[in-house]
Amino acid sequence: ETVAPMIEALTGGTVRLRILSNLADLRIARARV
């Protein structure tokens, strides 16, 4: 939410959705047996 207006100013576009992704593919846990 904080950076959305800054991105609009940088690009001239319109920001719509501003939300996390639940596909946390950089937050991985692993186990081995």
Full PDB file with SEQRES, HELIX, SHEET, SSBOND, CRYST1, ORIGX, SCALE, CONECT and MASTER records, all heavy atoms in Angstrom:
SEQRES   1 A   33  GLU THR VAL ALA PRO MET ILE GLU ALA LEU THR GLY GLY          
SEQRES   2 A   33  THR VAL ARG LEU ARG ILE LEU SER ASN LEU ALA ASP LEU          
SEQRES   3 A   33  ARG ILE ALA ARG ALA ARG VAL                                  
HELIX    1 AA1 ALA A    4  THR A   11  1                                   8    
CRYST1    1.000    1.000    1.000  90.00  90.00  90.00 P 1           1          
ORIGX1      1.000000  0.000000  0.000000        0.00000                         
ORIGX2      0.000000  1.000000  0.000000        0.00000                         
ORIGX3      0.000000  0.000000  1.000000        0.00000                         
SCALE1      1.000000  0.000000  0.000000        0.00000                         
SCALE2      0.000000  1.000000  0.000000        0.00000                         
SCALE3      0.000000  0.000000  1.000000        0.00000                         
ATOM      1  N   GLU A   1       0.831  -1.204   0.000  1.00  0.00           N  
ATOM      2  CA  GLU A   1       0.000   0.000   0.000  1.00  0.00           C  
ATOM      3  C   GLU A   1       0.868   1.257   0.000  1.00  0.00           C  
ATOM      4  O   GLU A   1       0.551   2.254  -0.653  1.00  0.00           O  
ATOM      5  CB  GLU A   1      -0.915   0.005   1.227  1.00  0.00           C  
ATOM      6  CG  GLU A   1      -1.972  -1.096   1.248  1.00  0.00           C  
ATOM      7  CD  GLU A   1      -3.162  -0.783   0.369  1.00  0.00           C  
ATOM      8  OE1 GLU A   1      -3.193   0.319  -0.223  1.00  0.00           O  
ATOM      9  OE2 GLU A   1      -4.060  -1.645   0.255  1.00  0.00           O  
ATOM     10  N   THR A   2       1.969   1.201   0.720  1.00  0.00           N  
ATOM     11  CA  THR A   2       2.838   2.364   0.861  1.00  0.00           C  
ATOM     12  C   THR A   2       3.497   2.759  -0.458  1.00  0.00           C  
ATOM     13  O   THR A   2       3.572   3.948  -0.796  1.00  0.00           O  
ATOM     14  CB  THR A   2       3.926   2.079   1.912  1.00  0.00           C  
ATOM     15  OG1 THR A   2       3.302   1.826   3.173  1.00  0.00           O  
ATOM     16  CG2 THR A   2       4.896   3.242   2.036  1.00  0.00           C  
ATOM     17  N   VAL A   3       3.990   1.776  -1.216  1.00  0.00           N  
ATOM     18  CA  VAL A   3       4.747   2.099  -2.424  1.00  0.00           C  
ATOM     19  C   VAL A   3       3.855   2.235  -3.655  1.00  0.00           C  
ATOM     20  O   VAL A   3       4.342   2.678  -4.708  1.00  0.00           O  
ATOM     21  CB  VAL A   3       5.850   1.048  -2.692  1.00  0.00           C  
ATOM     22  CG1 VAL A   3       6.769   0.916  -1.487  1.00  0.00           C  
ATOM     23  CG2 VAL A   3       5.258  -0.305  -3.066  1.00  0.00           C  
ATOM     24  N   ALA A   4       2.585   1.891  -3.554  1.00  0.00           N  
ATOM     25  CA  ALA A   4       1.696   1.950  -4.719  1.00  0.00           C  
ATOM     26  C   ALA A   4       1.669   3.335  -5.376  1.00  0.00           C  
ATOM     27  O   ALA A   4       1.818   3.442  -6.607  1.00  0.00           O  
ATOM     28  CB  ALA A   4       0.290   1.503  -4.344  1.00  0.00           C  
ATOM     29  N   PRO A   5       1.483   4.425  -4.616  1.00  0.00           N  
ATOM     30  CA  PRO A   5       1.492   5.750  -5.264  1.00  0.00           C  
ATOM     31  C   PRO A   5       2.838   6.080  -5.912  1.00  0.00           C  
ATOM     32  O   PRO A   5       2.865   6.750  -6.959  1.00  0.00           O  
ATOM     33  CB  PRO A   5       1.200   6.711  -4.097  1.00  0.00           C  
ATOM     34  CG  PRO A   5       0.561   5.867  -3.053  1.00  0.00           C  
ATOM     35  CD  PRO A   5       1.180   4.515  -3.177  1.00  0.00           C  
ATOM     36  N   MET A   6       3.924   5.613  -5.323  1.00  0.00           N  
ATOM     37  CA  MET A   6       5.241   5.860  -5.903  1.00  0.00           C  
ATOM     38  C   MET A   6       5.376   5.150  -7.244  1.00  0.00           C  
ATOM     39  O   MET A   6       5.940   5.693  -8.201  1.00  0.00           O  
ATOM     40  CB  MET A   6       6.334   5.373  -4.943  1.00  0.00           C  
ATOM     41  CG  MET A   6       6.349   6.073  -3.609  1.00  0.00           C  
ATOM     42  SD  MET A   6       7.537   5.331  -2.438  1.00  0.00           S  
ATOM     43  CE  MET A   6       9.097   5.686  -3.263  1.00  0.00           C  
ATOM     44  N   ILE A   7       4.845   3.934  -7.333  1.00  0.00           N  
ATOM     45  CA  ILE A   7       4.908   3.178  -8.585  1.00  0.00           C  
ATOM     46  C   ILE A   7       4.038   3.835  -9.648  1.00  0.00           C  
ATOM     47  O   ILE A   7       4.416   3.892 -10.830  1.00  0.00           O  
ATOM     48  CB  ILE A   7       4.510   1.718  -8.335  1.00  0.00           C  
ATOM     49  CG1 ILE A   7       5.626   1.008  -7.555  1.00  0.00           C  
ATOM     50  CG2 ILE A   7       4.220   0.988  -9.636  1.00  0.00           C  
ATOM     51  CD1 ILE A   7       5.326  -0.427  -7.184  1.00  0.00           C  
ATOM     52  N   GLU A   8       2.890   4.360  -9.264  1.00  0.00           N  
ATOM     53  CA  GLU A   8       2.053   5.086 -10.218  1.00  0.00           C  
ATOM     54  C   GLU A   8       2.797   6.305 -10.754  1.00  0.00           C  
ATOM     55  O   GLU A   8       2.750   6.598 -11.957  1.00  0.00           O  
ATOM     56  CB  GLU A   8       0.747   5.512  -9.555  1.00  0.00           C  
ATOM     57  CG  GLU A   8      -0.236   4.365  -9.332  1.00  0.00           C  
ATOM     58  CD  GLU A   8      -1.571   4.833  -8.790  1.00  0.00           C  
ATOM     59  OE1 GLU A   8      -1.597   5.862  -8.068  1.00  0.00           O  
ATOM     60  OE2 GLU A   8      -2.586   4.171  -9.082  1.00  0.00           O  
ATOM     61  N   ALA A   9       3.487   7.025  -9.877  1.00  0.00           N  
ATOM     62  CA  ALA A   9       4.239   8.206 -10.307  1.00  0.00           C  
ATOM     63  C   ALA A   9       5.388   7.817 -11.235  1.00  0.00           C  
ATOM     64  O   ALA A   9       5.684   8.529 -12.206  1.00  0.00           O  
ATOM     65  CB  ALA A   9       4.777   8.952  -9.082  1.00  0.00           C  
ATOM     66  N   LEU A  10       6.041   6.700 -10.965  1.00  0.00           N  
ATOM     67  CA  LEU A  10       7.163   6.256 -11.793  1.00  0.00           C  
ATOM     68  C   LEU A  10       6.713   5.829 -13.187  1.00  0.00           C  
ATOM     69  O   LEU A  10       7.399   6.093 -14.183  1.00  0.00           O  
ATOM     70  CB  LEU A  10       7.879   5.082 -11.122  1.00  0.00           C  
ATOM     71  CG  LEU A  10       8.800   5.387  -9.949  1.00  0.00           C  
ATOM     72  CD1 LEU A  10       9.214   4.104  -9.254  1.00  0.00           C  
ATOM     73  CD2 LEU A  10      10.044   6.141 -10.430  1.00  0.00           C  
ATOM     74  N   THR A  11       5.557   5.173 -13.267  1.00  0.00           N  
ATOM     75  CA  THR A  11       5.149   4.535 -14.522  1.00  0.00           C  
ATOM     76  C   THR A  11       4.065   5.272 -15.286  1.00  0.00           C  
ATOM     77  O   THR A  11       3.905   5.069 -16.493  1.00  0.00           O  
ATOM     78  CB  THR A  11       4.628   3.109 -14.234  1.00  0.00           C  
ATOM     79  OG1 THR A  11       3.450   3.185 -13.425  1.00  0.00           O  
ATOM     80  CG2 THR A  11       5.693   2.271 -13.539  1.00  0.00           C  
ATOM     81  N   GLY A  12       3.276   6.087 -14.602  1.00  0.00           N  
ATOM     82  CA  GLY A  12       2.133   6.711 -15.239  1.00  0.00           C  
ATOM     83  C   GLY A  12       0.942   5.783 -15.350  1.00  0.00           C  
ATOM     84  O   GLY A  12      -0.087   6.150 -15.941  1.00  0.00           O  
ATOM     85  N   GLY A  13       1.050   4.589 -14.793  1.00  0.00           N  
ATOM     86  CA  GLY A  13      -0.034   3.621 -14.821  1.00  0.00           C  
ATOM     87  C   GLY A  13      -0.940   3.741 -13.610  1.00  0.00           C  
ATOM     88  O   GLY A  13      -0.757   4.625 -12.753  1.00  0.00           O  
ATOM     89  N   THR A  14      -1.914   2.844 -13.547  1.00  0.00           N  
ATOM     90  CA  THR A  14      -2.859   2.814 -12.436  1.00  0.00           C  
ATOM     91  C   THR A  14      -2.682   1.522 -11.662  1.00  0.00           C  
ATOM     92  O   THR A  14      -2.751   0.430 -12.230  1.00  0.00           O  
ATOM     93  CB  THR A  14      -4.312   2.882 -12.957  1.00  0.00           C  
ATOM     94  OG1 THR A  14      -4.486   4.095 -13.692  1.00  0.00           O  
ATOM     95  CG2 THR A  14      -5.299   2.825 -11.799  1.00  0.00           C  
ATOM     96  N   VAL A  15      -2.453   1.654 -10.360  1.00  0.00           N  
ATOM     97  CA  VAL A  15      -2.298   0.478  -9.504  1.00  0.00           C  
ATOM     98  C   VAL A  15      -3.673  -0.022  -9.094  1.00  0.00           C  
ATOM     99  O   VAL A  15      -4.521   0.757  -8.662  1.00  0.00           O  
ATOM    100  CB  VAL A  15      -1.446   0.796  -8.266  1.00  0.00           C  
ATOM    101  CG1 VAL A  15      -1.543  -0.332  -7.238  1.00  0.00           C  
ATOM    102  CG2 VAL A  15       0.004   1.025  -8.652  1.00  0.00           C  
ATOM    103  N   ARG A  16      -3.872  -1.324  -9.238  1.00  0.00           N  
ATOM    104  CA  ARG A  16      -5.098  -1.954  -8.782  1.00  0.00           C  
ATOM    105  C   ARG A  16      -4.805  -2.774  -7.514  1.00  0.00           C  
ATOM    106  O   ARG A  16      -4.765  -2.236  -6.428  1.00  0.00           O  
ATOM    107  CB  ARG A  16      -5.690  -2.839  -9.891  1.00  0.00           C  
ATOM    108  CG  ARG A  16      -6.209  -2.034 -11.072  1.00  0.00           C  
ATOM    109  CD  ARG A  16      -7.492  -1.317 -10.724  1.00  0.00           C  
ATOM    110  NE  ARG A  16      -8.158  -0.815 -11.922  1.00  0.00           N  
ATOM    111  CZ  ARG A  16      -8.534   0.430 -12.107  1.00  0.00           C  
ATOM    112  NH1 ARG A  16      -8.300   1.331 -11.156  1.00  0.00           N  
ATOM    113  NH2 ARG A  16      -9.144   0.802 -13.216  1.00  0.00           N  
ATOM    114  N   LEU A  17      -4.567  -4.063  -7.660  1.00  0.00           N  
ATOM    115  CA  LEU A  17      -4.363  -4.917  -6.481  1.00  0.00           C  
ATOM    116  C   LEU A  17      -3.016  -4.649  -5.819  1.00  0.00           C  
ATOM    117  O   LEU A  17      -2.001  -4.420  -6.501  1.00  0.00           O  
ATOM    118  CB  LEU A  17      -4.453  -6.399  -6.864  1.00  0.00           C  
ATOM    119  CG  LEU A  17      -5.855  -7.034  -6.800  1.00  0.00           C  
ATOM    120  CD1 LEU A  17      -6.788  -6.385  -7.811  1.00  0.00           C  
ATOM    121  CD2 LEU A  17      -5.768  -8.528  -7.029  1.00  0.00           C  
ATOM    122  N   ARG A  18      -3.046  -4.698  -4.479  1.00  0.00           N  
ATOM    123  CA  ARG A  18      -1.833  -4.541  -3.671  1.00  0.00           C  
ATOM    124  C   ARG A  18      -1.959  -5.538  -2.521  1.00  0.00           C  
ATOM    125  O   ARG A  18      -2.569  -5.233  -1.505  1.00  0.00           O  
ATOM    126  CB  ARG A  18      -1.726  -3.111  -3.127  1.00  0.00           C  
ATOM    127  CG  ARG A  18      -1.825  -2.064  -4.207  1.00  0.00           C  
ATOM    128  CD  ARG A  18      -2.009  -0.656  -3.670  1.00  0.00           C  
ATOM    129  NE  ARG A  18      -3.283  -0.468  -2.977  1.00  0.00           N  
ATOM    130  CZ  ARG A  18      -4.444  -0.254  -3.569  1.00  0.00           C  
ATOM    131  NH1 ARG A  18      -4.537  -0.206  -4.899  1.00  0.00           N  
ATOM    132  NH2 ARG A  18      -5.542  -0.079  -2.873  1.00  0.00           N  
ATOM    133  N   ILE A  19      -1.369  -6.731  -2.688  1.00  0.00           N  
ATOM    134  CA  ILE A  19      -1.618  -7.798  -1.714  1.00  0.00           C  
ATOM    135  C   ILE A  19      -0.528  -8.857  -1.785  1.00  0.00           C  
ATOM    136  O   ILE A  19       0.128  -9.018  -2.818  1.00  0.00           O  
ATOM    137  CB  ILE A  19      -3.008  -8.438  -1.962  1.00  0.00           C  
ATOM    138  CG1 ILE A  19      -3.408  -9.356  -0.808  1.00  0.00           C  
ATOM    139  CG2 ILE A  19      -3.052  -9.149  -3.308  1.00  0.00           C  
ATOM    140  CD1 ILE A  19      -4.853  -9.800  -0.836  1.00  0.00           C  
ATOM    141  N   LEU A  20      -0.363  -9.573  -0.683  1.00  0.00           N  
ATOM    142  CA  LEU A  20       0.636 -10.643  -0.644  1.00  0.00           C  
ATOM    143  C   LEU A  20       0.246 -11.792  -1.547  1.00  0.00           C  
ATOM    144  O   LEU A  20      -0.919 -11.950  -1.927  1.00  0.00           O  
ATOM    145  CB  LEU A  20       0.817 -11.167   0.781  1.00  0.00           C  
ATOM    146  CG  LEU A  20      -0.069 -12.347   1.233  1.00  0.00           C  
ATOM    147  CD1 LEU A  20       0.556 -13.053   2.403  1.00  0.00           C  
ATOM    148  CD2 LEU A  20      -1.478 -11.894   1.535  1.00  0.00           C  
ATOM    149  N   SER A  21       1.228 -12.642  -1.867  1.00  0.00           N  
ATOM    150  CA  SER A  21       0.969 -13.917  -2.528  1.00  0.00           C  
ATOM    151  C   SER A  21       1.166 -15.036  -1.523  1.00  0.00           C  
ATOM    152  O   SER A  21       2.158 -15.058  -0.788  1.00  0.00           O  
ATOM    153  CB  SER A  21       1.926 -14.129  -3.705  1.00  0.00           C  
ATOM    154  OG  SER A  21       1.806 -15.457  -4.196  1.00  0.00           O  
ATOM    155  N   ASN A  22       0.235 -15.997  -1.514  1.00  0.00           N  
ATOM    156  CA  ASN A  22       0.383 -17.170  -0.656  1.00  0.00           C  
ATOM    157  C   ASN A  22       1.233 -18.263  -1.300  1.00  0.00           C  
ATOM    158  O   ASN A  22       1.465 -19.307  -0.688  1.00  0.00           O  
ATOM    159  CB  ASN A  22      -0.975 -17.736  -0.259  1.00  0.00           C  
ATOM    160  CG  ASN A  22      -1.670 -16.881   0.777  1.00  0.00           C  
ATOM    161  OD1 ASN A  22      -2.801 -16.451   0.594  1.00  0.00           O  
ATOM    162  ND2 ASN A  22      -0.993 -16.612   1.883  1.00  0.00           N  
ATOM    163  N   LEU A  23       1.689 -18.026  -2.538  1.00  0.00           N  
ATOM    164  CA  LEU A  23       2.674 -18.916  -3.125  1.00  0.00           C  
ATOM    165  C   LEU A  23       4.050 -18.432  -2.663  1.00  0.00           C  
ATOM    166  O   LEU A  23       4.751 -17.706  -3.359  1.00  0.00           O  
ATOM    167  CB  LEU A  23       2.583 -18.926  -4.656  1.00  0.00           C  
ATOM    168  CG  LEU A  23       3.620 -19.781  -5.397  1.00  0.00           C  
ATOM    169  CD1 LEU A  23       3.676 -21.195  -4.863  1.00  0.00           C  
ATOM    170  CD2 LEU A  23       3.345 -19.775  -6.895  1.00  0.00           C  
ATOM    171  N   ALA A  24       4.405 -18.843  -1.456  1.00  0.00           N  
ATOM    172  CA  ALA A  24       5.645 -18.373  -0.816  1.00  0.00           C  
ATOM    173  C   ALA A  24       6.817 -19.223  -1.279  1.00  0.00           C  
ATOM    174  O   ALA A  24       7.474 -19.912  -0.500  1.00  0.00           O  
ATOM    175  CB  ALA A  24       5.492 -18.425   0.703  1.00  0.00           C  
ATOM    176  N   ASP A  25       7.115 -19.126  -2.587  1.00  0.00           N  
ATOM    177  CA  ASP A  25       8.119 -20.020  -3.174  1.00  0.00           C  
ATOM    178  C   ASP A  25       9.554 -19.625  -2.851  1.00  0.00           C  
ATOM    179  O   ASP A  25      10.491 -20.325  -3.248  1.00  0.00           O  
ATOM    180  CB  ASP A  25       7.920 -20.127  -4.688  1.00  0.00           C  
ATOM    181  CG  ASP A  25       8.045 -18.787  -5.395  1.00  0.00           C  
ATOM    182  OD1 ASP A  25       8.078 -17.734  -4.716  1.00  0.00           O  
ATOM    183  OD2 ASP A  25       8.105 -18.790  -6.645  1.00  0.00           O  
ATOM    184  N   LEU A  26       9.728 -18.519  -2.142  1.00  0.00           N  
ATOM    185  CA  LEU A  26      11.061 -18.165  -1.640  1.00  0.00           C  
ATOM    186  C   LEU A  26      11.202 -18.477  -0.153  1.00  0.00           C  
ATOM    187  O   LEU A  26      12.266 -18.249   0.426  1.00  0.00           O  
ATOM    188  CB  LEU A  26      11.333 -16.674  -1.878  1.00  0.00           C  
ATOM    189  CG  LEU A  26      11.371 -16.234  -3.342  1.00  0.00           C  
ATOM    190  CD1 LEU A  26      11.584 -14.729  -3.444  1.00  0.00           C  
ATOM    191  CD2 LEU A  26      12.455 -16.979  -4.115  1.00  0.00           C  
ATOM    192  N   ARG A  27      10.143 -19.003   0.447  1.00  0.00           N  
ATOM    193  CA  ARG A  27      10.140 -19.328   1.884  1.00  0.00           C  
ATOM    194  C   ARG A  27       9.925 -20.834   2.009  1.00  0.00           C  
ATOM    195  O   ARG A  27       8.858 -21.311   2.357  1.00  0.00           O  
ATOM    196  CB  ARG A  27       9.040 -18.543   2.588  1.00  0.00           C  
ATOM    197  CG  ARG A  27       9.128 -18.580   4.104  1.00  0.00           C  
ATOM    198  CD  ARG A  27       8.057 -17.692   4.719  1.00  0.00           C  
ATOM    199  NE  ARG A  27       8.205 -17.608   6.155  1.00  0.00           N  
ATOM    200  CZ  ARG A  27       7.451 -16.855   6.943  1.00  0.00           C  
ATOM    201  NH1 ARG A  27       6.476 -16.131   6.447  1.00  0.00           N  
ATOM    202  NH2 ARG A  27       7.654 -16.839   8.251  1.00  0.00           N  
ATOM    203  N   ILE A  28      10.961 -21.580   1.718  1.00  0.00           N  
ATOM    204  CA  ILE A  28      10.877 -23.020   1.547  1.00  0.00           C  
ATOM    205  C   ILE A  28      11.407 -23.753   2.778  1.00  0.00           C  
ATOM    206  O   ILE A  28      12.423 -23.374   3.357  1.00  0.00           O  
ATOM    207  CB  ILE A  28      11.673 -23.461   0.299  1.00  0.00           C  
ATOM    208  CG1 ILE A  28      11.107 -22.799  -0.957  1.00  0.00           C  
ATOM    209  CG2 ILE A  28      11.684 -24.976   0.151  1.00  0.00           C  
ATOM    210  CD1 ILE A  28       9.685 -23.187  -1.278  1.00  0.00           C  
ATOM    211  N   ALA A  29      10.688 -24.802   3.159  1.00  0.00           N  
ATOM    212  CA  ALA A  29      11.157 -25.710   4.220  1.00  0.00           C  
ATOM    213  C   ALA A  29      11.378 -27.087   3.605  1.00  0.00           C  
ATOM    214  O   ALA A  29      10.604 -27.525   2.745  1.00  0.00           O  
ATOM    215  CB  ALA A  29      10.150 -25.785   5.358  1.00  0.00           C  
ATOM    216  N   ARG A  30      12.415 -27.780   4.056  1.00  0.00           N  
ATOM    217  CA  ARG A  30      12.783 -29.071   3.485  1.00  0.00           C  
ATOM    218  C   ARG A  30      13.041 -30.083   4.601  1.00  0.00           C  
ATOM    219  O   ARG A  30      13.514 -29.728   5.685  1.00  0.00           O  
ATOM    220  CB  ARG A  30      14.055 -28.956   2.644  1.00  0.00           C  
ATOM    221  CG  ARG A  30      14.046 -27.848   1.600  1.00  0.00           C  
ATOM    222  CD  ARG A  30      15.352 -27.839   0.819  1.00  0.00           C  
ATOM    223  NE  ARG A  30      15.387 -26.772  -0.181  1.00  0.00           N  
ATOM    224  CZ  ARG A  30      15.956 -25.593   0.021  1.00  0.00           C  
ATOM    225  NH1 ARG A  30      16.536 -25.325   1.194  1.00  0.00           N  
ATOM    226  NH2 ARG A  30      15.958 -24.681  -0.932  1.00  0.00           N  
ATOM    227  N   ALA A  31      12.742 -31.338   4.303  1.00  0.00           N  
ATOM    228  CA  ALA A  31      13.063 -32.422   5.241  1.00  0.00           C  
ATOM    229  C   ALA A  31      13.502 -33.646   4.439  1.00  0.00           C  
ATOM    230  O   ALA A  31      13.038 -33.870   3.318  1.00  0.00           O  
ATOM    231  CB  ALA A  31      11.867 -32.768   6.123  1.00  0.00           C  
ATOM    232  N   ARG A  32      14.383 -34.433   5.060  1.00  0.00           N  
ATOM    233  CA  ARG A  32      14.913 -35.636   4.408  1.00  0.00           C  
ATOM    234  C   ARG A  32      14.991 -36.756   5.430  1.00  0.00           C  
ATOM    235  O   ARG A  32      15.324 -36.527   6.609  1.00  0.00           O  
ATOM    236  CB  ARG A  32      16.303 -35.364   3.839  1.00  0.00           C  
ATOM    237  CG  ARG A  32      16.994 -36.573   3.220  1.00  0.00           C  
ATOM    238  CD  ARG A  32      18.428 -36.238   2.807  1.00  0.00           C  
ATOM    239  NE  ARG A  32      19.105 -37.390   2.247  1.00  0.00           N  
ATOM    240  CZ  ARG A  32      19.689 -38.353   2.970  1.00  0.00           C  
ATOM    241  NH1 ARG A  32      19.677 -38.285   4.294  1.00  0.00           N  
ATOM    242  NH2 ARG A  32      20.271 -39.377   2.382  1.00  0.00           N  
ATOM    243  N   VAL A  33      14.685 -37.989   4.978  1.00  0.00           N  
ATOM    244  CA  VAL A  33      14.866 -39.180   5.810  1.00  0.00           C  
ATOM    245  C   VAL A  33      15.565 -40.253   4.984  1.00  0.00           C  
ATOM    246  O   VAL A  33      15.472 -40.272   3.756  1.00  0.00           O  
ATOM    247  CB  VAL A  33      13.518 -39.746   6.329  1.00  0.00           C  
ATOM    248  CG1 VAL A  33      12.863 -38.792   7.297  1.00  0.00           C  
ATOM    249  CG2 VAL A  33      12.575 -40.070   5.176  1.00  0.00           C  
TER     250      VAL A  33                                                      
MASTER        0    0    0    1    0    0    0    6  249    1    0    3          
END                                                                             
